Amino acid sequence: MKYAMILVTALLLAGCSESGGSGASSSDGGSTGSSAGKVGKGGSMARFAISGDYLYTLNNKELTAFDISDASHPLPYTKDSVPWDVETLFSYGDYLFIGANGGVYLYNKPTPSSGMELKATYSHVKSCDPVVVEDGFAYVTLNSGSSCRLKNGVNALEVLNVKDPLNPTLAKTSSGSDAVRNMIDPKGLGVDGDKLFICDGAGGLKLFDINKTDNNETNQTTVDLYFNRASTIADVDCYDVIPNGGDLIVSNGKDVRQFDYTKLPMVELGRIK
């Protein structure tokens, strides 16, 4: 079963490359389906996502929803225009999170009575920007690399509090500082519970332990990230990651590798070139 999983994910990740913006499908922070059994699970560099009865696709002009309730006959359902700088798409809850050069855009998912439209924006320094979301927090890597044709951005990780999706804010640590970490050359990332995986260029495949604490005085939840050096694999060249219940799929555009993170340090299970 594990090797079957890596084969399926290899097909999903086939579009991942540093020169393009397409990738695997993303889902609502994990495997998400409907009564029809449709499931999407994918990476942070995705430009399409499956959630329930809809397939969402993103290009440089439009965000489009397709009705896939009859999977053999997908039908365009609704669409909306998007800013010029969009890059990645991630589905979470009732919203679609779009990573862009200038920030993160939140669009509502369609309902029988309404289409999709921009609901909120979080702005940051212009940089490449994949985003993943889980448990009310969005994790965003900012990259200054040439694939965004910027070369003047920053290399960092930012954590956003999106418990109120219409008011995304930069999260705080328990010490009161902004939840921001400097990076070397960050690209794709993935989160599963208290584990955050980041592809960080020459820094390899990094693992951070996430600790969330409810602050009763401020009525806010703080987020602390602890670099798990012992479980980081410095010699792994990766572009995107997909954590899924103990299985970690890693892609660099040349091959796909699978790791087991149920016990740390991680153990490699297989590779497809």
Protein backbone atom coordinates (compact mmCIF):
# COMPACT_ATOMS: atom_id res chain seq x y z
CA MET A 1 0.00 0.00 0.00
CA LYS A 2 2.80 2.42 0.78
CA TYR A 3 4.39 1.98 -2.64
CA ALA A 4 0.98 2.28 -4.31
CA MET A 5 0.62 5.61 -2.56
CA ILE A 6 3.93 6.91 -3.84
CA LEU A 7 2.99 5.95 -7.41
CA VAL A 8 -0.30 7.83 -7.23
CA THR A 9 1.36 10.88 -5.69
CA ALA A 10 4.07 10.82 -8.34
CA LEU A 11 1.40 11.38 -10.95
CA LEU A 12 -0.06 14.23 -8.93
CA LEU A 13 3.32 15.88 -8.52
CA ALA A 14 4.44 15.43 -12.10
CA GLY A 15 3.77 19.07 -12.87
CA CYS A 16 5.97 20.39 -10.07
CA SER A 17 9.07 22.23 -11.23
CA GLU A 18 10.92 25.36 -10.24
CA SER A 19 10.12 26.98 -13.54
CA GLY A 20 6.35 26.62 -13.30
CA GLY A 21 3.47 27.12 -10.96
CA SER A 22 1.42 23.98 -11.44
CA GLY A 23 1.41 21.06 -9.10
CA ALA A 24 -0.66 18.59 -7.19
CA SER A 25 -4.16 19.09 -5.96
CA SER A 26 -4.60 20.41 -2.45
CA SER A 27 -7.35 19.66 0.01
CA ASP A 28 -8.92 20.93 3.22
CA GLY A 29 -5.83 20.40 5.32
CA GLY A 30 -5.98 16.67 4.70
CA SER A 31 -7.95 14.07 2.82
CA THR A 32 -11.35 15.57 2.21
CA GLY A 33 -14.22 14.05 0.30
CA SER A 34 -17.97 14.00 -0.16
CA SER A 35 -20.62 11.34 -0.24
CA ALA A 36 -19.42 10.59 -3.76
CA GLY A 37 -16.01 9.68 -2.33
CA LYS A 38 -13.97 12.39 -4.06
CA VAL A 39 -10.75 13.13 -2.22
CA GLY A 40 -7.96 15.63 -2.78
CA LYS A 41 -4.58 15.64 -1.11
CA GLY A 42 -1.67 17.56 -2.42
CA GLY A 43 1.20 19.95 -2.11
CA SER A 44 1.59 23.62 -1.32
CA MET A 45 2.69 24.50 -4.87
CA ALA A 46 -0.69 23.41 -6.28
CA ARG A 47 -2.77 25.34 -8.76
CA PHE A 48 -5.79 23.11 -8.37
CA ALA A 49 -7.70 21.57 -5.47
CA ILE A 50 -10.53 19.09 -4.89
CA SER A 51 -13.06 19.69 -2.14
CA GLY A 52 -16.38 17.88 -1.93
CA ASP A 53 -18.21 18.07 -5.26
CA TYR A 54 -15.93 20.74 -6.71
CA LEU A 55 -12.60 20.94 -8.49
CA TYR A 56 -10.98 24.37 -8.24
CA THR A 57 -8.40 25.55 -10.76
CA LEU A 58 -6.25 28.69 -10.82
CA ASN A 59 -4.52 30.49 -13.66
CA ASN A 60 -3.11 34.00 -13.93
CA LYS A 61 -6.54 35.47 -14.68
CA GLU A 62 -9.26 33.32 -13.16
CA LEU A 63 -10.26 31.07 -10.31
CA THR A 64 -12.69 28.46 -11.66
CA ALA A 65 -14.90 25.91 -9.92
CA PHE A 66 -16.00 22.75 -11.73
CA ASP A 67 -18.90 20.61 -10.56
CA ILE A 68 -17.58 17.04 -10.35
CA SER A 69 -20.57 15.46 -8.62
CA ASP A 70 -20.68 13.30 -11.74
CA ALA A 71 -16.98 12.63 -12.05
CA SER A 72 -17.29 11.36 -15.62
CA HIS A 73 -18.92 14.62 -16.74
CA PRO A 74 -17.26 17.59 -14.97
CA LEU A 75 -19.03 20.87 -15.68
CA PRO A 76 -17.88 24.49 -15.25
CA TYR A 77 -19.83 25.87 -12.29
CA THR A 78 -18.61 29.41 -11.56
CA LYS A 79 -15.52 31.59 -11.88
CA ASP A 80 -14.06 34.86 -10.65
CA SER A 81 -11.15 37.04 -11.69
CA VAL A 82 -7.95 37.02 -9.61
CA PRO A 83 -5.04 39.47 -9.20
CA TRP A 84 -2.16 39.12 -11.67
CA ASP A 85 0.37 37.86 -9.11
CA VAL A 86 -1.38 34.65 -7.95
CA GLU A 87 0.73 31.50 -7.60
CA THR A 88 -0.72 28.67 -5.50
CA LEU A 89 -4.09 27.37 -4.32
CA PHE A 90 -5.02 25.63 -1.07
CA SER A 91 -8.49 24.59 0.07
CA TYR A 92 -9.40 24.79 3.75
CA GLY A 93 -12.85 24.85 5.33
CA ASP A 94 -15.17 27.24 3.52
CA TYR A 95 -12.33 29.17 1.87
CA LEU A 96 -9.70 28.97 -0.84
CA PHE A 97 -6.30 30.37 0.14
CA ILE A 98 -4.32 31.75 -2.78
CA GLY A 99 -0.61 32.45 -2.33
CA ALA A 100 0.65 35.39 -4.38
CA ASN A 101 3.72 37.58 -4.85
CA GLY A 102 2.24 40.29 -2.68
CA GLY A 103 0.34 38.31 -0.07
CA VAL A 104 -2.38 35.75 0.59
CA TYR A 105 -5.89 36.11 -0.87
CA LEU A 106 -8.95 34.40 0.63
CA TYR A 107 -11.90 33.53 -1.59
CA ASN A 108 -15.13 31.95 -0.38
CA LYS A 109 -16.20 28.64 -1.88
CA PRO A 110 -19.40 28.72 -3.95
CA THR A 111 -22.80 27.92 -2.49
CA PRO A 112 -26.14 27.31 -4.27
CA SER A 113 -26.91 31.02 -3.81
CA SER A 114 -23.50 32.65 -4.39
CA GLY A 115 -20.36 32.34 -6.44
CA MET A 116 -16.73 32.89 -5.43
CA GLU A 117 -15.32 36.29 -4.56
CA LEU A 118 -12.36 37.83 -2.77
CA LYS A 119 -13.15 38.12 0.96
CA ALA A 120 -9.86 39.05 2.62
CA THR A 121 -6.22 39.83 1.89
CA TYR A 122 -3.04 39.53 3.92
CA SER A 123 -0.14 41.54 2.44
CA HIS A 124 3.59 40.87 2.83
CA VAL A 125 6.91 41.76 1.20
CA LYS A 126 6.83 40.73 -2.48
CA SER A 127 8.14 37.16 -2.62
CA CYS A 128 7.17 33.74 -3.95
CA ASP A 129 4.44 32.49 -1.65
CA PRO A 130 3.05 28.97 -1.21
CA VAL A 131 0.60 28.56 1.70
CA VAL A 132 -0.88 25.64 3.68
CA VAL A 133 -3.52 25.82 6.40
CA GLU A 134 -4.47 23.69 9.39
CA ASP A 135 -6.35 24.24 12.65
CA GLY A 136 -6.93 27.96 12.09
CA PHE A 137 -3.35 28.85 11.17
CA ALA A 138 -1.78 29.42 7.76
CA TYR A 139 1.91 28.72 7.17
CA VAL A 140 3.49 30.79 4.41
CA THR A 141 7.00 30.53 2.95
CA LEU A 142 8.42 33.64 1.30
CA ASN A 143 11.16 33.20 -1.28
CA SER A 144 13.25 35.78 -3.12
CA GLY A 145 14.35 33.38 -5.87
CA SER A 146 14.42 33.91 -9.62
CA SER A 147 11.44 31.59 -10.25
CA CYS A 148 9.25 34.52 -9.18
CA ARG A 149 11.31 36.92 -11.30
CA LEU A 150 11.72 39.08 -8.20
CA LYS A 151 15.18 38.50 -6.69
CA ASN A 152 14.44 41.25 -4.17
CA GLY A 153 12.06 39.55 -1.74
CA VAL A 154 12.83 37.81 1.53
CA ASN A 155 13.48 34.22 2.58
CA ALA A 156 11.30 33.53 5.58
CA LEU A 157 8.40 31.62 7.10
CA GLU A 158 5.37 33.49 8.38
CA VAL A 159 2.52 32.05 10.48
CA LEU A 160 -0.88 33.68 10.10
CA ASN A 161 -3.83 33.45 12.46
CA VAL A 162 -6.85 32.74 10.26
CA LYS A 163 -9.29 31.61 12.93
CA ASP A 164 -11.28 34.60 11.68
CA PRO A 165 -10.75 34.06 7.94
CA LEU A 166 -12.06 37.54 7.12
CA ASN A 167 -9.35 39.11 9.29
CA PRO A 168 -6.05 37.26 8.75
CA THR A 169 -3.27 38.53 11.00
CA LEU A 170 0.35 37.69 11.67
CA ALA A 171 0.41 35.27 14.61
CA LYS A 172 2.39 35.93 17.78
CA THR A 173 4.77 33.70 19.72
CA SER A 174 4.47 33.14 23.47
CA SER A 175 7.15 35.81 23.99
CA GLY A 176 5.05 38.39 22.14
CA SER A 177 7.15 38.57 18.98
CA ASP A 178 5.85 38.03 15.45
CA ALA A 179 5.68 34.37 14.37
CA VAL A 180 8.33 34.73 11.65
CA ARG A 181 11.40 32.56 11.04
CA ASN A 182 14.31 33.33 8.72
CA MET A 183 14.94 30.71 6.04
CA ILE A 184 17.64 29.95 3.47
CA ASP A 185 15.70 29.25 0.27
CA PRO A 186 12.20 28.05 1.24
CA LYS A 187 9.78 26.58 -1.27
CA GLY A 188 7.08 23.97 -0.61
CA LEU A 189 5.81 23.11 2.85
CA GLY A 190 3.29 20.86 4.56
CA VAL A 191 1.70 20.60 7.99
CA ASP A 192 0.29 17.64 9.89
CA GLY A 193 -0.78 18.23 13.48
CA ASP A 194 2.23 19.46 15.45
CA LYS A 195 4.71 18.84 12.61
CA LEU A 196 5.67 21.37 9.94
CA PHE A 197 7.83 20.24 7.01
CA ILE A 198 9.65 22.81 4.85
CA CYS A 199 11.79 22.43 1.73
CA ASP A 200 14.55 24.95 2.44
CA GLY A 201 17.02 24.72 -0.41
CA ALA A 202 20.56 24.12 0.81
CA GLY A 203 19.10 23.69 4.30
CA GLY A 204 17.44 20.47 3.15
CA LEU A 205 14.14 19.03 4.34
CA LYS A 206 13.47 20.76 7.65
CA LEU A 207 11.10 19.72 10.42
CA PHE A 208 9.64 22.13 12.97
CA ASP A 209 7.62 21.16 16.03
CA ILE A 210 4.55 23.37 16.49
CA ASN A 211 3.42 24.39 19.97
CA LYS A 212 0.17 26.34 20.36
CA THR A 213 -0.82 27.96 23.65
CA ASP A 214 -4.07 29.69 24.58
CA ASN A 215 -3.37 33.04 26.25
CA ASN A 216 -6.29 33.74 28.57
CA GLU A 217 -5.22 37.36 29.14
CA THR A 218 -5.31 38.33 25.47
CA ASN A 219 -7.82 35.67 24.37
CA GLN A 220 -5.40 34.72 21.61
CA THR A 221 -3.55 31.55 20.66
CA THR A 222 0.22 31.90 20.37
CA VAL A 223 2.37 29.73 18.12
CA ASP A 224 5.95 28.70 18.80
CA LEU A 225 8.04 26.79 16.25
CA TYR A 226 10.95 24.68 17.44
CA PHE A 227 13.51 23.58 14.87
CA ASN A 228 13.88 19.80 15.12
CA ARG A 229 17.51 19.59 14.04
CA ALA A 230 17.82 15.87 14.81
CA SER A 231 15.00 15.02 12.40
CA THR A 232 16.01 17.44 9.63
CA ILE A 233 17.59 15.80 6.57
CA ALA A 234 20.12 18.24 5.16
CA ASP A 235 20.97 16.30 2.01
CA VAL A 236 17.39 16.09 0.69
CA ASP A 237 16.86 18.37 -2.29
CA CYS A 238 13.12 19.08 -2.37
CA TYR A 239 10.64 21.38 -4.04
CA ASP A 240 7.37 20.34 -2.36
CA VAL A 241 6.13 17.99 0.35
CA ILE A 242 2.86 16.24 1.18
CA PRO A 243 2.47 14.89 4.74
CA ASN A 244 -0.36 12.40 5.08
CA GLY A 245 -0.87 10.43 8.29
CA GLY A 246 2.73 9.37 8.76
CA ASP A 247 3.71 9.19 5.08
CA LEU A 248 5.69 12.11 3.67
CA ILE A 249 5.91 12.49 -0.11
CA VAL A 250 8.82 14.66 -1.26
CA SER A 251 9.29 15.98 -4.81
CA ASN A 252 12.08 17.96 -6.41
CA GLY A 253 10.90 17.87 -10.01
CA LYS A 254 13.36 15.07 -10.81
CA ASP A 255 12.22 12.32 -8.48
CA VAL A 256 9.65 11.52 -5.81
CA ARG A 257 10.68 10.12 -2.43
CA GLN A 258 8.63 8.69 0.42
CA PHE A 259 9.49 8.92 4.13
CA ASP A 260 7.88 7.50 7.25
CA TYR A 261 7.56 10.13 10.01
CA THR A 262 5.53 8.08 12.50
CA LYS A 263 8.80 7.71 14.37
CA LEU A 264 11.66 10.18 14.30
CA PRO A 265 14.18 10.51 12.78
CA MET A 266 12.38 9.81 9.51
CA VAL A 267 13.08 6.68 7.51
CA GLU A 268 13.07 6.63 3.71
CA LEU A 269 10.73 4.01 2.25
CA GLY A 270 11.21 4.39 -1.48
CA ARG A 271 12.03 6.58 -4.45
CA ILE A 272 10.87 7.01 -8.02
CA LYS A 273 13.14 8.81 -10.49
